[in-house]
Amino acid sequence: MREGTANCVDILLAIILPPLGVFLKFGCEVEFWICLVLTLLGYIPGIIYAIYAITK
């Protein structure tokens, strides 16, 4: 149950601020930088990638 709650909070953060959600899950790894670039290019691609990265 705790895993599901943490995942839900991560997804909410990914919707509000995509790079933050990915950073809290992976730290400063490649996933974070990809998400940051996608968010700078467009907010929606950043959200899509953040949710994908968190749930994979």
PDB file of N, CA and C in Angstrom:
ATOM      1  N   MET A   1       0.826  -1.199   0.000  1.00  0.00           N
ATOM      2  CA  MET A   1       0.000   0.000   0.000  1.00  0.00           C
ATOM      3  C   MET A   1       0.861   1.249   0.000  1.00  0.00           C
ATOM      4  N   ARG A   2       1.950   1.230   0.717  1.00  0.00           N
ATOM      5  CA  ARG A   2       2.825   2.392   0.764  1.00  0.00           C
ATOM      6  C   ARG A   2       3.417   2.699  -0.605  1.00  0.00           C
ATOM      7  N   GLU A   3       3.731   1.655  -1.356  1.00  0.00           N
ATOM      8  CA  GLU A   3       4.282   1.831  -2.703  1.00  0.00           C
ATOM      9  C   GLU A   3       3.291   2.582  -3.595  1.00  0.00           C
ATOM     10  N   GLY A   4       2.014   2.239  -3.514  1.00  0.00           N
ATOM     11  CA  GLY A   4       1.000   2.892  -4.327  1.00  0.00           C
ATOM     12  C   GLY A   4       0.814   4.349  -3.959  1.00  0.00           C
ATOM     13  N   THR A   5       0.872   4.664  -2.673  1.00  0.00           N
ATOM     14  CA  THR A   5       0.732   6.049  -2.231  1.00  0.00           C
ATOM     15  C   THR A   5       1.903   6.884  -2.697  1.00  0.00           C
ATOM     16  N   ALA A   6       3.107   6.369  -2.572  1.00  0.00           N
ATOM     17  CA  ALA A   6       4.287   7.108  -3.015  1.00  0.00           C
ATOM     18  C   ALA A   6       4.234   7.308  -4.517  1.00  0.00           C
ATOM     19  N   ASN A   7       3.784   6.308  -5.246  1.00  0.00           N
ATOM     20  CA  ASN A   7       3.683   6.423  -6.686  1.00  0.00           C
ATOM     21  C   ASN A   7       2.655   7.481  -7.070  1.00  0.00           C
ATOM     22  N   CYS A   8       1.555   7.555  -6.343  1.00  0.00           N
ATOM     23  CA  CYS A   8       0.513   8.544  -6.611  1.00  0.00           C
ATOM     24  C   CYS A   8       1.037   9.963  -6.381  1.00  0.00           C
ATOM     25  N   VAL A   9       1.779  10.161  -5.307  1.00  0.00           N
ATOM     26  CA  VAL A   9       2.364  11.476  -5.024  1.00  0.00           C
ATOM     27  C   VAL A   9       3.382  11.839  -6.099  1.00  0.00           C
ATOM     28  N   ASP A  10       4.181  10.877  -6.527  1.00  0.00           N
ATOM     29  CA  ASP A  10       5.152  11.126  -7.594  1.00  0.00           C
ATOM     30  C   ASP A  10       4.457  11.538  -8.886  1.00  0.00           C
ATOM     31  N   ILE A  11       3.346  10.896  -9.209  1.00  0.00           N
ATOM     32  CA  ILE A  11       2.613  11.239 -10.429  1.00  0.00           C
ATOM     33  C   ILE A  11       2.004  12.633 -10.318  1.00  0.00           C
ATOM     34  N   LEU A  12       1.478  12.983  -9.158  1.00  0.00           N
ATOM     35  CA  LEU A  12       0.941  14.338  -8.980  1.00  0.00           C
ATOM     36  C   LEU A  12       2.033  15.391  -9.137  1.00  0.00           C
ATOM     37  N   LEU A  13       3.201  15.132  -8.575  1.00  0.00           N
ATOM     38  CA  LEU A  13       4.330  16.058  -8.756  1.00  0.00           C
ATOM     39  C   LEU A  13       4.752  16.120 -10.214  1.00  0.00           C
ATOM     40  N   ALA A  14       4.685  15.002 -10.916  1.00  0.00           N
ATOM     41  CA  ALA A  14       5.055  14.980 -12.331  1.00  0.00           C
ATOM     42  C   ALA A  14       4.093  15.813 -13.167  1.00  0.00           C
ATOM     43  N   ILE A  15       2.844  15.891 -12.753  1.00  0.00           N
ATOM     44  CA  ILE A  15       1.874  16.704 -13.489  1.00  0.00           C
ATOM     45  C   ILE A  15       2.088  18.185 -13.191  1.00  0.00           C
ATOM     46  N   ILE A  16       2.358  18.507 -11.946  1.00  0.00           N
ATOM     47  CA  ILE A  16       2.541  19.909 -11.567  1.00  0.00           C
ATOM     48  C   ILE A  16       3.884  20.448 -12.056  1.00  0.00           C
ATOM     49  N   LEU A  17       4.950  19.734 -11.751  1.00  0.00           N
ATOM     50  CA  LEU A  17       6.303  20.130 -12.149  1.00  0.00           C
ATOM     51  C   LEU A  17       7.056  18.869 -12.588  1.00  0.00           C
ATOM     52  N   PRO A  18       7.016  18.545 -13.863  1.00  0.00           N
ATOM     53  CA  PRO A  18       7.570  17.268 -14.325  1.00  0.00           C
ATOM     54  C   PRO A  18       9.016  16.987 -13.914  1.00  0.00           C
ATOM     55  N   PRO A  19       9.962  17.925 -14.051  1.00  0.00           N
ATOM     56  CA  PRO A  19      11.337  17.597 -13.658  1.00  0.00           C
ATOM     57  C   PRO A  19      11.488  17.290 -12.164  1.00  0.00           C
ATOM     58  N   LEU A  20      10.671  17.913 -11.334  1.00  0.00           N
ATOM     59  CA  LEU A  20      10.753  17.662  -9.900  1.00  0.00           C
ATOM     60  C   LEU A  20      10.345  16.231  -9.567  1.00  0.00           C
ATOM     61  N   GLY A  21       9.268  15.761 -10.180  1.00  0.00           N
ATOM     62  CA  GLY A  21       8.836  14.387  -9.940  1.00  0.00           C
ATOM     63  C   GLY A  21       9.884  13.369 -10.360  1.00  0.00           C
ATOM     64  N   VAL A  22      10.521  13.614 -11.504  1.00  0.00           N
ATOM     65  CA  VAL A  22      11.555  12.702 -11.987  1.00  0.00           C
ATOM     66  C   VAL A  22      12.804  12.811 -11.113  1.00  0.00           C
ATOM     67  N   PHE A  23      13.136  14.009 -10.679  1.00  0.00           N
ATOM     68  CA  PHE A  23      14.313  14.198  -9.821  1.00  0.00           C
ATOM     69  C   PHE A  23      14.156  13.464  -8.498  1.00  0.00           C
ATOM     70  N   LEU A  24      12.977  13.525  -7.910  1.00  0.00           N
ATOM     71  CA  LEU A  24      12.756  12.836  -6.635  1.00  0.00           C
ATOM     72  C   LEU A  24      12.815  11.320  -6.789  1.00  0.00           C
ATOM     73  N   LYS A  25      12.486  10.815  -7.974  1.00  0.00           N
ATOM     74  CA  LYS A  25      12.515   9.376  -8.210  1.00  0.00           C
ATOM     75  C   LYS A  25      13.914   8.879  -8.586  1.00  0.00           C
ATOM     76  N   PHE A  26      14.620   9.609  -9.451  1.00  0.00           N
ATOM     77  CA  PHE A  26      15.886   9.134 -10.005  1.00  0.00           C
ATOM     78  C   PHE A  26      17.105   9.939  -9.584  1.00  0.00           C
ATOM     79  N   GLY A  27      16.921  11.107  -9.015  1.00  0.00           N
ATOM     80  CA  GLY A  27      18.066  11.964  -8.730  1.00  0.00           C
ATOM     81  C   GLY A  27      18.487  12.689  -9.999  1.00  0.00           C
ATOM     82  N   CYS A  28      19.743  13.047 -10.073  1.00  0.00           N
ATOM     83  CA  CYS A  28      20.238  13.852 -11.190  1.00  0.00           C
ATOM     84  C   CYS A  28      20.828  12.946 -12.278  1.00  0.00           C
ATOM     85  N   GLU A  29      20.043  11.984 -12.733  1.00  0.00           N
ATOM     86  CA  GLU A  29      20.480  11.054 -13.768  1.00  0.00           C
ATOM     87  C   GLU A  29      19.943  11.502 -15.122  1.00  0.00           C
ATOM     88  N   VAL A  30      20.127  10.674 -16.117  1.00  0.00           N
ATOM     89  CA  VAL A  30      19.741  11.004 -17.491  1.00  0.00           C
ATOM     90  C   VAL A  30      18.244  11.284 -17.604  1.00  0.00           C
ATOM     91  N   GLU A  31      17.430  10.544 -16.875  1.00  0.00           N
ATOM     92  CA  GLU A  31      15.984  10.738 -16.949  1.00  0.00           C
ATOM     93  C   GLU A  31      15.583  12.160 -16.577  1.00  0.00           C
ATOM     94  N   PHE A  32      16.247  12.707 -15.561  1.00  0.00           N
ATOM     95  CA  PHE A  32      15.944  14.073 -15.137  1.00  0.00           C
ATOM     96  C   PHE A  32      16.259  15.071 -16.246  1.00  0.00           C
ATOM     97  N   TRP A  33      17.404  14.926 -16.881  1.00  0.00           N
ATOM     98  CA  TRP A  33      17.812  15.880 -17.916  1.00  0.00           C
ATOM     99  C   TRP A  33      16.923  15.773 -19.148  1.00  0.00           C
ATOM    100  N   ILE A  34      16.533  14.562 -19.499  1.00  0.00           N
ATOM    101  CA  ILE A  34      15.599  14.391 -20.629  1.00  0.00           C
ATOM    102  C   ILE A  34      14.279  15.078 -20.313  1.00  0.00           C
ATOM    103  N   CYS A  35      13.794  14.878 -19.114  1.00  0.00           N
ATOM    104  CA  CYS A  35      12.526  15.491 -18.708  1.00  0.00           C
ATOM    105  C   CYS A  35      12.632  17.022 -18.683  1.00  0.00           C
ATOM    106  N   LEU A  36      13.753  17.529 -18.217  1.00  0.00           N
ATOM    107  CA  LEU A  36      13.945  18.988 -18.172  1.00  0.00           C
ATOM    108  C   LEU A  36      13.931  19.581 -19.574  1.00  0.00           C
ATOM    109  N   VAL A  37      14.642  18.960 -20.498  1.00  0.00           N
ATOM    110  CA  VAL A  37      14.676  19.455 -21.875  1.00  0.00           C
ATOM    111  C   VAL A  37      13.297  19.380 -22.512  1.00  0.00           C
ATOM    112  N   LEU A  38      12.599  18.260 -22.316  1.00  0.00           N
ATOM    113  CA  LEU A  38      11.251  18.134 -22.880  1.00  0.00           C
ATOM    114  C   LEU A  38      10.288  19.153 -22.275  1.00  0.00           C
ATOM    115  N   THR A  39      10.436  19.443 -20.995  1.00  0.00           N
ATOM    116  CA  THR A  39       9.566  20.430 -20.352  1.00  0.00           C
ATOM    117  C   THR A  39       9.860  21.832 -20.885  1.00  0.00           C
ATOM    118  N   LEU A  40      11.122  22.121 -21.138  1.00  0.00           N
ATOM    119  CA  LEU A  40      11.470  23.427 -21.704  1.00  0.00           C
ATOM    120  C   LEU A  40      10.969  23.564 -23.141  1.00  0.00           C
ATOM    121  N   LEU A  41      10.957  22.476 -23.890  1.00  0.00           N
ATOM    122  CA  LEU A  41      10.455  22.514 -25.260  1.00  0.00           C
ATOM    123  C   LEU A  41       8.931  22.568 -25.310  1.00  0.00           C
ATOM    124  N   GLY A  42       8.291  21.996 -24.320  1.00  0.00           N
ATOM    125  CA  GLY A  42       6.832  22.004 -24.258  1.00  0.00           C
ATOM    126  C   GLY A  42       6.389  21.319 -22.979  1.00  0.00           C
ATOM    127  N   TYR A  43       5.431  21.895 -22.317  1.00  0.00           N
ATOM    128  CA  TYR A  43       5.015  21.390 -21.005  1.00  0.00           C
ATOM    129  C   TYR A  43       4.403  19.993 -21.107  1.00  0.00           C
ATOM    130  N   ILE A  44       3.580  19.756 -22.128  1.00  0.00           N
ATOM    131  CA  ILE A  44       2.890  18.471 -22.284  1.00  0.00           C
ATOM    132  C   ILE A  44       3.875  17.322 -22.534  1.00  0.00           C
ATOM    133  N   PRO A  45       4.853  17.466 -23.435  1.00  0.00           N
ATOM    134  CA  PRO A  45       5.826  16.367 -23.587  1.00  0.00           C
ATOM    135  C   PRO A  45       6.590  16.068 -22.299  1.00  0.00           C
ATOM    136  N   GLY A  46       6.866  17.094 -21.508  1.00  0.00           N
ATOM    137  CA  GLY A  46       7.528  16.890 -20.226  1.00  0.00           C
ATOM    138  C   GLY A  46       6.681  16.076 -19.268  1.00  0.00           C
ATOM    139  N   ILE A  47       5.388  16.361 -19.238  1.00  0.00           N
ATOM    140  CA  ILE A  47       4.469  15.613 -18.374  1.00  0.00           C
ATOM    141  C   ILE A  47       4.370  14.158 -18.832  1.00  0.00           C
ATOM    142  N   ILE A  48       4.235  13.961 -20.125  1.00  0.00           N
ATOM    143  CA  ILE A  48       4.109  12.598 -20.654  1.00  0.00           C
ATOM    144  C   ILE A  48       5.353  11.786 -20.325  1.00  0.00           C
ATOM    145  N   TYR A  49       6.529  12.360 -20.557  1.00  0.00           N
ATOM    146  CA  TYR A  49       7.755  11.625 -20.270  1.00  0.00           C
ATOM    147  C   TYR A  49       7.918  11.380 -18.772  1.00  0.00           C
ATOM    148  N   ALA A  50       7.580  12.356 -17.941  1.00  0.00           N
ATOM    149  CA  ALA A  50       7.721  12.187 -16.496  1.00  0.00           C
ATOM    150  C   ALA A  50       6.836  11.053 -15.989  1.00  0.00           C
ATOM    151  N   ILE A  51       5.608  11.003 -16.435  1.00  0.00           N
ATOM    152  CA  ILE A  51       4.706   9.926 -16.014  1.00  0.00           C
ATOM    153  C   ILE A  51       5.217   8.583 -16.518  1.00  0.00           C
ATOM    154  N   TYR A  52       5.701   8.560 -17.747  1.00  0.00           N
ATOM    155  CA  TYR A  52       6.269   7.311 -18.293  1.00  0.00           C
ATOM    156  C   TYR A  52       7.483   6.872 -17.468  1.00  0.00           C
ATOM    157  N   ALA A  53       8.382   7.783 -17.178  1.00  0.00           N
ATOM    158  CA  ALA A  53       9.608   7.432 -16.448  1.00  0.00           C
ATOM    159  C   ALA A  53       9.288   6.961 -15.040  1.00  0.00           C
ATOM    160  N   ILE A  54       8.327   7.563 -14.386  1.00  0.00           N
ATOM    161  CA  ILE A  54       7.997   7.198 -13.009  1.00  0.00           C
ATOM    162  C   ILE A  54       7.289   5.847 -12.959  1.00  0.00           C
ATOM    163  N   THR A  55       6.437   5.564 -13.933  1.00  0.00           N
ATOM    164  CA  THR A  55       5.656   4.333 -13.871  1.00  0.00           C
ATOM    165  C   THR A  55       6.327   3.121 -14.509  1.00  0.00           C
ATOM    166  N   LYS A  56       7.410   3.333 -15.248  1.00  0.00           N
ATOM    167  CA  LYS A  56       8.039   2.171 -15.927  1.00  0.00           C
ATOM    168  C   LYS A  56       8.750   1.252 -14.968  1.00  0.00           C
TER     169      LYS A  56
END
